[in-house]
Amino acid sequence: MPRELSDSSPLRRAWLRAASLRPGCPPVVVSSADGGVGRSTIVASLGAVLAAAMPGPPAAVDATARGWGGLEHRVPRRNDGTVWDLFAALLHAGHLDPAVLDAAMQHGTSGLHTAIGEVRRTATRRPTVLAESVRVVEALRGPYPLVLVDAPVADVAGVWQLFAGACPVLVARAGVDSVQHTMRLLSQLRGVGLDEATARTVVAVTATVPRPARQVRAAVRQLAAGVSAVVSVPFDEHLARPEPVDLARLRKPARHALVALTDAVLAGCPADPDQAAGLLSSPTRTHSAAEDTGSADRRAR
């Protein structure tokens, strides 16, 4: 386990879930009720934690259809490839071979593989529309054990329809208006028959200032009543800057929140953490754990 994450209490459970994901895990679709709430930051941060935990790297896809911003600022660039190259390869060959993936995917600091959005508009290149990005996501579910989707705002029908077969994540800013807009969005999703999807939804509430208003807490408690989990991600200077996410540069509160978010998201994915725990157990490790527990008890006394 990475040293910078080892002081987080839900870490072992999240690591076991990540290590034991079964084939066919649905994509993690990250959207929001508003723009400018930090969706791409959450995708890159969540993906960084997952990449550190999973035996094989997960993938992330920028499906925002924007020609600016998004995941391109949240992962280091190693080549000029974008999601457009993956879509063009699908049109040409009908599949994505390893050479295409190596030429098009960016690699994050902890191993996340990312298809960033296309920023050019020429006769041969353009940002992909949502349906094209979804086709890329489906193609990536073969070579990658888990795919995260940086989706547009969920007021577009094509986005909320993705929630039905996905692990839905909504991002809200830590403000009363944004949290209330998220509750209204959830109510609308229930109104179109997505009750099961909203019950599985995990909400990340991101702080843009060190001390959000007190009224936000009451709104967050109300929001938590209708979803699977709500995780508050505190303000962090590293996350506030438009630069690649590096887990080692995060402060402890943000690290803890991202591990808790990872754990909540993975709770909706098929996994066998008990089997993984058995594979990781050994007499030496069990003895060490017992000694650690005894030391903790002695300190408590």
C-alpha atoms as a PDB file:
ATOM      1  CA  MET A   1       0.000   0.000   0.000  1.00  0.00           C
ATOM      2  CA  PRO A   2       1.346   3.472  -0.817  1.00  0.00           C
ATOM      3  CA  ARG A   3       2.951   5.110   2.199  1.00  0.00           C
ATOM      4  CA  GLU A   4       1.025   8.342   1.668  1.00  0.00           C
ATOM      5  CA  LEU A   5      -2.293   6.474   2.006  1.00  0.00           C
ATOM      6  CA  SER A   6      -1.415   4.004   4.767  1.00  0.00           C
ATOM      7  CA  ASP A   7      -2.847   6.132   7.591  1.00  0.00           C
ATOM      8  CA  SER A   8      -6.446   5.918   6.321  1.00  0.00           C
ATOM      9  CA  SER A   9      -8.834   3.649   8.239  1.00  0.00           C
ATOM     10  CA  PRO A  10     -10.994   2.390   5.291  1.00  0.00           C
ATOM     11  CA  LEU A  11      -7.868   1.640   3.279  1.00  0.00           C
ATOM     12  CA  ARG A  12      -7.668  -2.130   3.731  1.00  0.00           C
ATOM     13  CA  ARG A  13     -11.317  -2.660   2.770  1.00  0.00           C
ATOM     14  CA  ALA A  14     -10.969  -0.424  -0.300  1.00  0.00           C
ATOM     15  CA  TRP A  15      -7.742  -2.188  -1.317  1.00  0.00           C
ATOM     16  CA  LEU A  16      -9.325  -5.638  -0.998  1.00  0.00           C
ATOM     17  CA  ARG A  17     -12.328  -4.571  -3.045  1.00  0.00           C
ATOM     18  CA  ALA A  18     -10.105  -3.069  -5.731  1.00  0.00           C
ATOM     19  CA  ALA A  19      -7.843  -6.119  -5.826  1.00  0.00           C
ATOM     20  CA  SER A  20     -10.762  -8.516  -6.205  1.00  0.00           C
ATOM     21  CA  LEU A  21     -12.889  -6.815  -8.876  1.00  0.00           C
ATOM     22  CA  ARG A  22     -14.529  -9.391 -11.104  1.00  0.00           C
ATOM     23  CA  PRO A  23     -14.722  -9.193 -14.903  1.00  0.00           C
ATOM     24  CA  GLY A  24     -17.660  -7.235 -16.232  1.00  0.00           C
ATOM     25  CA  CYS A  25     -17.549  -4.484 -13.638  1.00  0.00           C
ATOM     26  CA  PRO A  26     -19.820  -1.669 -14.879  1.00  0.00           C
ATOM     27  CA  PRO A  27     -18.186   1.657 -15.743  1.00  0.00           C
ATOM     28  CA  VAL A  28     -18.027   4.382 -13.114  1.00  0.00           C
ATOM     29  CA  VAL A  29     -19.882   7.328 -14.655  1.00  0.00           C
ATOM     30  CA  VAL A  30     -19.064  10.682 -13.020  1.00  0.00           C
ATOM     31  CA  SER A  31     -21.442  13.554 -13.714  1.00  0.00           C
ATOM     32  CA  SER A  32     -23.081  16.473 -11.907  1.00  0.00           C
ATOM     33  CA  ALA A  33     -26.056  18.789 -11.843  1.00  0.00           C
ATOM     34  CA  ASP A  34     -23.885  21.864 -12.464  1.00  0.00           C
ATOM     35  CA  GLY A  35     -20.733  22.732 -14.346  1.00  0.00           C
ATOM     36  CA  GLY A  36     -17.526  23.820 -12.668  1.00  0.00           C
ATOM     37  CA  VAL A  37     -17.861  21.538  -9.641  1.00  0.00           C
ATOM     38  CA  GLY A  38     -14.662  19.521 -10.134  1.00  0.00           C
ATOM     39  CA  ARG A  39     -15.837  16.431 -12.036  1.00  0.00           C
ATOM     40  CA  SER A  40     -12.541  15.959 -13.864  1.00  0.00           C
ATOM     41  CA  THR A  41     -10.622  16.442 -10.620  1.00  0.00           C
ATOM     42  CA  ILE A  42     -12.677  13.730  -8.937  1.00  0.00           C
ATOM     43  CA  VAL A  43     -12.251  11.372 -11.913  1.00  0.00           C
ATOM     44  CA  ALA A  44      -8.474  11.819 -11.902  1.00  0.00           C
ATOM     45  CA  SER A  45      -8.209  11.583  -8.103  1.00  0.00           C
ATOM     46  CA  LEU A  46     -10.459   8.543  -7.817  1.00  0.00           C
ATOM     47  CA  GLY A  47      -8.608   6.942 -10.709  1.00  0.00           C
ATOM     48  CA  ALA A  48      -5.252   7.623  -9.053  1.00  0.00           C
ATOM     49  CA  VAL A  49      -6.306   5.819  -5.864  1.00  0.00           C
ATOM     50  CA  LEU A  50      -7.760   2.911  -7.853  1.00  0.00           C
ATOM     51  CA  ALA A  51      -4.595   2.649  -9.951  1.00  0.00           C
ATOM     52  CA  ALA A  52      -2.508   2.386  -6.790  1.00  0.00           C
ATOM     53  CA  ALA A  53      -4.782  -0.370  -5.458  1.00  0.00           C
ATOM     54  CA  MET A  54      -5.650  -2.529  -8.474  1.00  0.00           C
ATOM     55  CA  PRO A  55      -3.353  -5.244  -9.884  1.00  0.00           C
ATOM     56  CA  GLY A  56      -4.080  -3.966 -13.401  1.00  0.00           C
ATOM     57  CA  PRO A  57      -4.476  -0.260 -14.210  1.00  0.00           C
ATOM     58  CA  PRO A  58      -7.957   1.224 -14.606  1.00  0.00           C
ATOM     59  CA  ALA A  59      -8.801   3.561 -17.470  1.00  0.00           C
ATOM     60  CA  ALA A  60     -10.470   6.961 -17.563  1.00  0.00           C
ATOM     61  CA  VAL A  61     -12.198   8.534 -20.569  1.00  0.00           C
ATOM     62  CA  ASP A  62     -12.963  12.206 -21.121  1.00  0.00           C
ATOM     63  CA  ALA A  63     -16.491  12.107 -22.548  1.00  0.00           C
ATOM     64  CA  THR A  64     -17.329  15.765 -21.963  1.00  0.00           C
ATOM     65  CA  ALA A  65     -17.234  16.660 -25.692  1.00  0.00           C
ATOM     66  CA  ARG A  66     -15.470  19.909 -24.795  1.00  0.00           C
ATOM     67  CA  GLY A  67     -12.532  21.309 -26.693  1.00  0.00           C
ATOM     68  CA  TRP A  68     -10.885  22.602 -23.505  1.00  0.00           C
ATOM     69  CA  GLY A  69     -10.339  21.728 -19.861  1.00  0.00           C
ATOM     70  CA  GLY A  70     -11.257  18.325 -18.523  1.00  0.00           C
ATOM     71  CA  LEU A  71      -8.805  15.526 -17.899  1.00  0.00           C
ATOM     72  CA  GLU A  72      -6.055  16.999 -20.070  1.00  0.00           C
ATOM     73  CA  HIS A  73      -4.982  19.175 -17.112  1.00  0.00           C
ATOM     74  CA  ARG A  74      -5.224  16.370 -14.549  1.00  0.00           C
ATOM     75  CA  VAL A  75      -2.850  13.778 -16.018  1.00  0.00           C
ATOM     76  CA  PRO A  76       0.711  14.128 -17.385  1.00  0.00           C
ATOM     77  CA  ARG A  77       1.033  13.978 -21.178  1.00  0.00           C
ATOM     78  CA  ARG A  78       3.286  11.276 -22.661  1.00  0.00           C
ATOM     79  CA  ASN A  79       2.057  11.500 -26.256  1.00  0.00           C
ATOM     80  CA  ASP A  80      -0.348  13.448 -28.475  1.00  0.00           C
ATOM     81  CA  GLY A  81      -3.089  10.816 -28.373  1.00  0.00           C
ATOM     82  CA  THR A  82      -6.684  11.611 -27.416  1.00  0.00           C
ATOM     83  CA  VAL A  83     -10.045   9.903 -27.260  1.00  0.00           C
ATOM     84  CA  TRP A  84     -10.464  10.822 -30.938  1.00  0.00           C
ATOM     85  CA  ASP A  85      -7.628   8.437 -31.873  1.00  0.00           C
ATOM     86  CA  LEU A  86      -9.392   5.596 -30.089  1.00  0.00           C
ATOM     87  CA  PHE A  87     -12.688   6.350 -31.796  1.00  0.00           C
ATOM     88  CA  ALA A  88     -10.986   6.595 -35.207  1.00  0.00           C
ATOM     89  CA  ALA A  89      -9.321   3.222 -34.599  1.00  0.00           C
ATOM     90  CA  LEU A  90     -12.703   1.693 -33.796  1.00  0.00           C
ATOM     91  CA  LEU A  91     -14.135   3.082 -37.026  1.00  0.00           C
ATOM     92  CA  HIS A  92     -11.210   1.690 -39.011  1.00  0.00           C
ATOM     93  CA  ALA A  93     -10.579  -1.690 -37.374  1.00  0.00           C
ATOM     94  CA  GLY A  94     -13.570  -2.297 -35.124  1.00  0.00           C
ATOM     95  CA  HIS A  95     -11.371  -2.946 -32.071  1.00  0.00           C
ATOM     96  CA  LEU A  96      -8.520  -1.468 -30.030  1.00  0.00           C
ATOM     97  CA  ASP A  97      -5.252  -3.376 -30.155  1.00  0.00           C
ATOM     98  CA  PRO A  98      -2.408  -2.843 -27.640  1.00  0.00           C
ATOM     99  CA  ALA A  99      -0.397  -0.677 -30.037  1.00  0.00           C
ATOM    100  CA  VAL A 100      -3.309   1.743 -30.434  1.00  0.00           C
ATOM    101  CA  LEU A 101      -3.810   1.931 -26.672  1.00  0.00           C
ATOM    102  CA  ASP A 102      -0.118   2.568 -26.066  1.00  0.00           C
ATOM    103  CA  ALA A 103      -0.101   5.391 -28.610  1.00  0.00           C
ATOM    104  CA  ALA A 104      -3.280   7.081 -27.394  1.00  0.00           C
ATOM    105  CA  MET A 105      -3.486   6.660 -23.609  1.00  0.00           C
ATOM    106  CA  GLN A 106      -1.816   8.952 -21.064  1.00  0.00           C
ATOM    107  CA  HIS A 107      -0.382   7.466 -17.861  1.00  0.00           C
ATOM    108  CA  GLY A 108      -0.982   9.113 -14.485  1.00  0.00           C
ATOM    109  CA  THR A 109       1.550   9.294 -11.675  1.00  0.00           C
ATOM    110  CA  SER A 110       0.088   6.209  -9.948  1.00  0.00           C
ATOM    111  CA  GLY A 111      -0.661   4.314 -13.174  1.00  0.00           C
ATOM    112  CA  LEU A 112      -4.106   5.485 -14.303  1.00  0.00           C
ATOM    113  CA  HIS A 113      -4.478   5.168 -18.096  1.00  0.00           C
ATOM    114  CA  THR A 114      -6.417   8.114 -19.495  1.00  0.00           C
ATOM    115  CA  ALA A 115      -7.979   9.006 -22.834  1.00  0.00           C
ATOM    116  CA  ILE A 116      -8.040  12.791 -22.695  1.00  0.00           C
ATOM    117  CA  GLY A 117     -10.414  14.896 -24.756  1.00  0.00           C
ATOM    118  CA  GLU A 118      -9.528  16.165 -28.220  1.00  0.00           C
ATOM    119  CA  VAL A 119      -8.951  19.924 -28.301  1.00  0.00           C
ATOM    120  CA  ARG A 120      -8.401  20.441 -32.034  1.00  0.00           C
ATOM    121  CA  ARG A 121     -11.083  21.048 -34.651  1.00  0.00           C
ATOM    122  CA  THR A 122      -9.697  20.310 -38.104  1.00  0.00           C
ATOM    123  CA  ALA A 123     -10.785  18.447 -41.203  1.00  0.00           C
ATOM    124  CA  THR A 124      -9.543  15.207 -39.634  1.00  0.00           C
ATOM    125  CA  ARG A 125      -9.913  15.719 -35.869  1.00  0.00           C
ATOM    126  CA  ARG A 126     -12.589  17.004 -33.500  1.00  0.00           C
ATOM    127  CA  PRO A 127     -13.916  16.420 -29.967  1.00  0.00           C
ATOM    128  CA  THR A 128     -16.035  13.264 -29.850  1.00  0.00           C
ATOM    129  CA  VAL A 129     -19.744  13.509 -29.122  1.00  0.00           C
ATOM    130  CA  LEU A 130     -21.205  11.508 -26.250  1.00  0.00           C
ATOM    131  CA  ALA A 131     -22.326   8.513 -28.326  1.00  0.00           C
ATOM    132  CA  GLU A 132     -18.841   8.206 -29.814  1.00  0.00           C
ATOM    133  CA  SER A 133     -17.213   8.434 -26.385  1.00  0.00           C
ATOM    134  CA  VAL A 134     -19.557   5.747 -25.049  1.00  0.00           C
ATOM    135  CA  ARG A 135     -18.446   3.472 -27.876  1.00  0.00           C
ATOM    136  CA  VAL A 136     -14.830   4.000 -26.775  1.00  0.00           C
ATOM    137  CA  VAL A 137     -15.784   3.236 -23.159  1.00  0.00           C
ATOM    138  CA  GLU A 138     -17.391  -0.052 -24.174  1.00  0.00           C
ATOM    139  CA  ALA A 139     -14.299  -1.014 -26.190  1.00  0.00           C
ATOM    140  CA  LEU A 140     -12.023  -0.260 -23.216  1.00  0.00           C
ATOM    141  CA  ARG A 141     -13.985  -2.534 -20.887  1.00  0.00           C
ATOM    142  CA  GLY A 142     -12.225  -5.489 -22.516  1.00  0.00           C
ATOM    143  CA  PRO A 143      -8.568  -4.588 -21.940  1.00  0.00           C
ATOM    144  CA  TYR A 144      -9.170  -2.726 -18.656  1.00  0.00           C
ATOM    145  CA  PRO A 145     -10.726  -4.130 -15.450  1.00  0.00           C
ATOM    146  CA  LEU A 146     -12.512  -0.851 -14.665  1.00  0.00           C
ATOM    147  CA  VAL A 147     -13.318   2.267 -16.713  1.00  0.00           C
ATOM    148  CA  LEU A 148     -14.134   5.695 -15.301  1.00  0.00           C
ATOM    149  CA  VAL A 149     -16.093   8.151 -17.429  1.00  0.00           C
ATOM    150  CA  ASP A 150     -15.771  11.931 -17.093  1.00  0.00           C
ATOM    151  CA  ALA A 151     -19.285  12.628 -18.370  1.00  0.00           C
ATOM    152  CA  PRO A 152     -21.009  15.923 -19.204  1.00  0.00           C
ATOM    153  CA  VAL A 153     -23.539  17.569 -16.917  1.00  0.00           C
ATOM    154  CA  ALA A 154     -26.456  15.191 -16.327  1.00  0.00           C
ATOM    155  CA  ASP A 155     -29.168  17.449 -17.737  1.00  0.00           C
ATOM    156  CA  VAL A 156     -28.547  15.681 -21.060  1.00  0.00           C
ATOM    157  CA  ALA A 157     -30.693  12.580 -21.522  1.00  0.00           C
ATOM    158  CA  GLY A 158     -27.816  10.563 -22.939  1.00  0.00           C
ATOM    159  CA  VAL A 159     -25.865  11.065 -19.710  1.00  0.00           C
ATOM    160  CA  TRP A 160     -28.469  10.049 -17.164  1.00  0.00           C
ATOM    161  CA  GLN A 161     -29.419   7.078 -19.292  1.00  0.00           C
ATOM    162  CA  LEU A 162     -25.857   5.806 -18.721  1.00  0.00           C
ATOM    163  CA  PHE A 163     -26.588   5.590 -15.001  1.00  0.00           C
ATOM    164  CA  ALA A 164     -28.881   2.593 -15.458  1.00  0.00           C
ATOM    165  CA  GLY A 165     -25.991   0.227 -16.202  1.00  0.00           C
ATOM    166  CA  ALA A 166     -23.198   1.978 -14.328  1.00  0.00           C
ATOM    167  CA  CYS A 167     -21.810   2.852 -10.925  1.00  0.00           C
ATOM    168  CA  PRO A 168     -23.114   6.450 -10.798  1.00  0.00           C
ATOM    169  CA  VAL A 169     -21.107   9.202  -9.105  1.00  0.00           C
ATOM    170  CA  LEU A 170     -22.383  12.779  -8.855  1.00  0.00           C
ATOM    171  CA  VAL A 171     -20.137  15.691  -7.930  1.00  0.00           C
ATOM    172  CA  ALA A 172     -21.491  18.749  -6.124  1.00  0.00           C
ATOM    173  CA  ARG A 173     -19.728  21.859  -4.952  1.00  0.00           C
ATOM    174  CA  ALA A 174     -19.815  22.441  -1.170  1.00  0.00           C
ATOM    175  CA  GLY A 175     -22.434  25.158  -1.425  1.00  0.00           C
ATOM    176  CA  VAL A 176     -26.128  25.132  -0.628  1.00  0.00           C
ATOM    177  CA  ASP A 177     -27.175  25.867  -4.229  1.00  0.00           C
ATOM    178  CA  SER A 178     -25.064  23.092  -5.745  1.00  0.00           C
ATOM    179  CA  VAL A 179     -26.196  20.512  -3.184  1.00  0.00           C
ATOM    180  CA  GLN A 180     -29.839  21.491  -3.729  1.00  0.00           C
ATOM    181  CA  HIS A 181     -29.407  21.245  -7.505  1.00  0.00           C
ATOM    182  CA  THR A 182     -28.023  17.733  -7.006  1.00  0.00           C
ATOM    183  CA  MET A 183     -31.089  16.777  -4.949  1.00  0.00           C
ATOM    184  CA  ARG A 184     -33.351  18.121  -7.691  1.00  0.00           C
ATOM    185  CA  LEU A 185     -31.444  16.124 -10.282  1.00  0.00           C
ATOM    186  CA  LEU A 186     -31.844  12.956  -8.210  1.00  0.00           C
ATOM    187  CA  SER A 187     -35.574  13.640  -7.910  1.00  0.00           C
ATOM    188  CA  GLN A 188     -35.838  14.015 -11.690  1.00  0.00           C
ATOM    189  CA  LEU A 189     -33.931  10.765 -12.219  1.00  0.00           C
ATOM    190  CA  ARG A 190     -36.372   8.954  -9.944  1.00  0.00           C
ATOM    191  CA  GLY A 191     -39.195  10.515 -11.930  1.00  0.00           C
ATOM    192  CA  VAL A 192     -37.978   8.836 -15.132  1.00  0.00           C
ATOM    193  CA  GLY A 193     -37.731   5.400 -13.510  1.00  0.00           C
ATOM    194  CA  LEU A 194     -34.096   5.390 -12.360  1.00  0.00           C
ATOM    195  CA  ASP A 195     -34.888   4.718  -8.694  1.00  0.00           C
ATOM    196  CA  GLU A 196     -32.433   1.817  -8.486  1.00  0.00           C
ATOM    197  CA  ALA A 197     -29.646   3.870 -10.054  1.00  0.00           C
ATOM    198  CA  THR A 198     -30.156   6.809  -7.693  1.00  0.00           C
ATOM    199  CA  ALA A 199     -30.101   4.444  -4.709  1.00  0.00           C
ATOM    200  CA  ARG A 200     -26.665   3.240  -5.908  1.00  0.00           C
ATOM    201  CA  THR A 201     -25.365   6.760  -6.491  1.00  0.00           C
ATOM    202  CA  VAL A 202     -22.337   8.039  -4.589  1.00  0.00           C
ATOM    203  CA  VAL A 203     -22.090  11.828  -4.208  1.00  0.00           C
ATOM    204  CA  ALA A 204     -18.764  13.630  -3.793  1.00  0.00           C
ATOM    205  CA  VAL A 205     -19.169  17.104  -2.263  1.00  0.00           C
ATOM    206  CA  THR A 206     -16.047  19.114  -3.083  1.00  0.00           C
ATOM    207  CA  ALA A 207     -14.981  22.151  -1.084  1.00  0.00           C
ATOM    208  CA  THR A 208     -13.569  25.085  -3.048  1.00  0.00           C
ATOM    209  CA  VAL A 209     -12.641  27.063   0.079  1.00  0.00           C
ATOM    210  CA  PRO A 210     -11.010  25.890   3.323  1.00  0.00           C
ATOM    211  CA  ARG A 211     -14.154  26.465   5.407  1.00  0.00           C
ATOM    212  CA  PRO A 212     -17.499  25.995   3.614  1.00  0.00           C
ATOM    213  CA  ALA A 213     -20.584  27.689   5.063  1.00  0.00           C
ATOM    214  CA  ARG A 214     -22.259  25.931   7.998  1.00  0.00           C
ATOM    215  CA  GLN A 215     -25.540  25.717   6.109  1.00  0.00           C
ATOM    216  CA  VAL A 216     -23.916  23.234   3.735  1.00  0.00           C
ATOM    217  CA  ARG A 217     -23.833  20.542   6.442  1.00  0.00           C
ATOM    218  CA  ALA A 218     -27.611  20.493   6.804  1.00  0.00           C
ATOM    219  CA  ALA A 219     -28.067  20.298   3.030  1.00  0.00           C
ATOM    220  CA  VAL A 220     -25.546  17.435   2.817  1.00  0.00           C
ATOM    221  CA  ARG A 221     -27.370  15.487   5.548  1.00  0.00           C
ATOM    222  CA  GLN A 222     -30.609  15.858   3.603  1.00  0.00           C
ATOM    223  CA  LEU A 223     -28.878  14.750   0.414  1.00  0.00           C
ATOM    224  CA  ALA A 224     -27.484  11.618   2.086  1.00  0.00           C
ATOM    225  CA  ALA A 225     -30.971  10.272   2.814  1.00  0.00           C
ATOM    226  CA  GLY A 226     -31.611   9.219  -0.795  1.00  0.00           C
ATOM    227  CA  VAL A 227     -28.276   7.913  -2.087  1.00  0.00           C
ATOM    228  CA  SER A 228     -25.782   5.157  -1.350  1.00  0.00           C
ATOM    229  CA  ALA A 229     -23.154   7.438   0.204  1.00  0.00           C
ATOM    230  CA  VAL A 230     -22.035  11.050   0.431  1.00  0.00           C
ATOM    231  CA  VAL A 231     -18.323  11.800   0.800  1.00  0.00           C
ATOM    232  CA  SER A 232     -17.112  15.321   1.546  1.00  0.00           C
ATOM    233  CA  VAL A 233     -13.770  16.104  -0.096  1.00  0.00           C
ATOM    234  CA  PRO A 234     -12.104  18.984   1.782  1.00  0.00           C
ATOM    235  CA  PHE A 235     -10.300  21.852   0.131  1.00  0.00           C
ATOM    236  CA  ASP A 236      -6.766  20.956  -0.923  1.00  0.00           C
ATOM    237  CA  GLU A 237      -4.367  23.368  -2.602  1.00  0.00           C
ATOM    238  CA  HIS A 238      -3.032  20.667  -4.918  1.00  0.00           C
ATOM    239  CA  LEU A 239      -6.503  19.709  -6.165  1.00  0.00           C
ATOM    240  CA  ALA A 240      -7.413  23.380  -6.581  1.00  0.00           C
ATOM    241  CA  ARG A 241      -4.656  23.904  -9.141  1.00  0.00           C
ATOM    242  CA  PRO A 242      -5.062  22.763 -12.778  1.00  0.00           C
ATOM    243  CA  GLU A 243      -2.196  20.276 -12.682  1.00  0.00           C
ATOM    244  CA  PRO A 244      -1.797  16.473 -12.779  1.00  0.00           C
ATOM    245  CA  VAL A 245      -3.061  14.752  -9.646  1.00  0.00           C
ATOM    246  CA  ASP A 246      -0.274  13.318  -7.496  1.00  0.00           C
ATOM    247  CA  LEU A 247      -1.381  11.416  -4.380  1.00  0.00           C
ATOM    248  CA  ALA A 248       1.909  12.199  -2.639  1.00  0.00           C
ATOM    249  CA  ARG A 249       1.159  15.934  -2.784  1.00  0.00           C
ATOM    250  CA  LEU A 250      -2.263  15.742  -1.134  1.00  0.00           C
ATOM    251  CA  ARG A 251      -2.799  16.650   2.492  1.00  0.00           C
ATOM    252  CA  LYS A 252      -4.018  13.969   4.877  1.00  0.00           C
ATOM    253  CA  PRO A 253      -7.725  15.066   5.011  1.00  0.00           C
ATOM    254  CA  ALA A 254      -7.996  14.948   1.209  1.00  0.00           C
ATOM    255  CA  ARG A 255      -6.241  11.569   1.045  1.00  0.00           C
ATOM    256  CA  HIS A 256      -8.621  10.131   3.637  1.00  0.00           C
ATOM    257  CA  ALA A 257     -11.650  11.492   1.775  1.00  0.00           C
ATOM    258  CA  LEU A 258     -10.507  10.044  -1.558  1.00  0.00           C
ATOM    259  CA  VAL A 259      -9.940   6.603  -0.013  1.00  0.00           C
ATOM    260  CA  ALA A 260     -13.431   6.782   1.524  1.00  0.00           C
ATOM    261  CA  LEU A 261     -14.823   7.800  -1.882  1.00  0.00           C
ATOM    262  CA  THR A 262     -13.018   4.885  -3.539  1.00  0.00           C
ATOM    263  CA  ASP A 263     -14.408   2.480  -0.956  1.00  0.00           C
ATOM    264  CA  ALA A 264     -17.958   3.802  -1.453  1.00  0.00           C
ATOM    265  CA  VAL A 265     -17.725   3.545  -5.253  1.00  0.00           C
ATOM    266  CA  LEU A 266     -16.304   0.014  -5.171  1.00  0.00           C
ATOM    267  CA  ALA A 267     -19.145  -1.118  -2.914  1.00  0.00           C
ATOM    268  CA  GLY A 268     -21.307  -1.051  -6.056  1.00  0.00           C
ATOM    269  CA  CYS A 269     -18.907  -3.148  -8.145  1.00  0.00           C
ATOM    270  CA  PRO A 270     -18.799  -6.968  -8.240  1.00  0.00           C
ATOM    271  CA  ALA A 271     -15.897  -8.133  -6.084  1.00  0.00           C
ATOM    272  CA  ASP A 272     -14.905 -10.846  -3.636  1.00  0.00           C
ATOM    273  CA  PRO A 273     -12.918  -9.076  -0.879  1.00  0.00           C
ATOM    274  CA  ASP A 274     -13.023 -12.126   1.416  1.00  0.00           C
ATOM    275  CA  GLN A 275     -11.205 -14.217  -1.178  1.00  0.00           C
ATOM    276  CA  ALA A 276      -8.652 -11.437  -1.687  1.00  0.00           C
ATOM    277  CA  ALA A 277      -8.107 -11.203   2.073  1.00  0.00           C
ATOM    278  CA  GLY A 278      -7.380 -14.931   2.175  1.00  0.00           C
ATOM    279  CA  LEU A 279      -4.844 -14.599  -0.614  1.00  0.00           C
ATOM    280  CA  LEU A 280      -3.107 -11.758   1.185  1.00  0.00           C
ATOM    281  CA  SER A 281      -3.018 -13.499   4.574  1.00  0.00           C
ATOM    282  CA  SER A 282       0.080 -15.314   5.791  1.00  0.00           C
ATOM    283  CA  PRO A 283       1.256 -16.475   9.235  1.00  0.00           C
ATOM    284  CA  THR A 284       3.872 -13.732   9.307  1.00  0.00           C
ATOM    285  CA  ARG A 285       1.419 -10.999   8.376  1.00  0.00           C
ATOM    286  CA  THR A 286      -1.237 -12.316  10.743  1.00  0.00           C
ATOM    287  CA  HIS A 287       1.295 -12.357  13.594  1.00  0.00           C
ATOM    288  CA  SER A 288       2.352  -8.797  12.769  1.00  0.00           C
ATOM    289  CA  ALA A 289      -1.259  -7.652  12.725  1.00  0.00           C
ATOM    290  CA  ALA A 290      -1.843  -9.247  16.115  1.00  0.00           C
ATOM    291  CA  GLU A 291       1.238  -7.536  17.500  1.00  0.00           C
ATOM    292  CA  ASP A 292       0.046  -4.214  16.103  1.00  0.00           C
ATOM    293  CA  THR A 293      -3.379  -4.716  17.697  1.00  0.00           C
ATOM    294  CA  GLY A 294      -1.787  -5.552  21.011  1.00  0.00           C
ATOM    295  CA  SER A 295       0.421  -2.472  20.833  1.00  0.00           C
ATOM    296  CA  ALA A 296      -2.601  -0.311  20.059  1.00  0.00           C
ATOM    297  CA  ASP A 297      -4.464  -1.800  23.058  1.00  0.00           C
ATOM    298  CA  ARG A 298      -1.508  -1.139  25.333  1.00  0.00           C
ATOM    299  CA  ARG A 299      -1.324   2.476  24.105  1.00  0.00           C
ATOM    300  CA  ALA A 300      -5.056   2.881  24.706  1.00  0.00           C
ATOM    301  CA  ARG A 301      -4.703   1.605  28.275  1.00  0.00           C
END
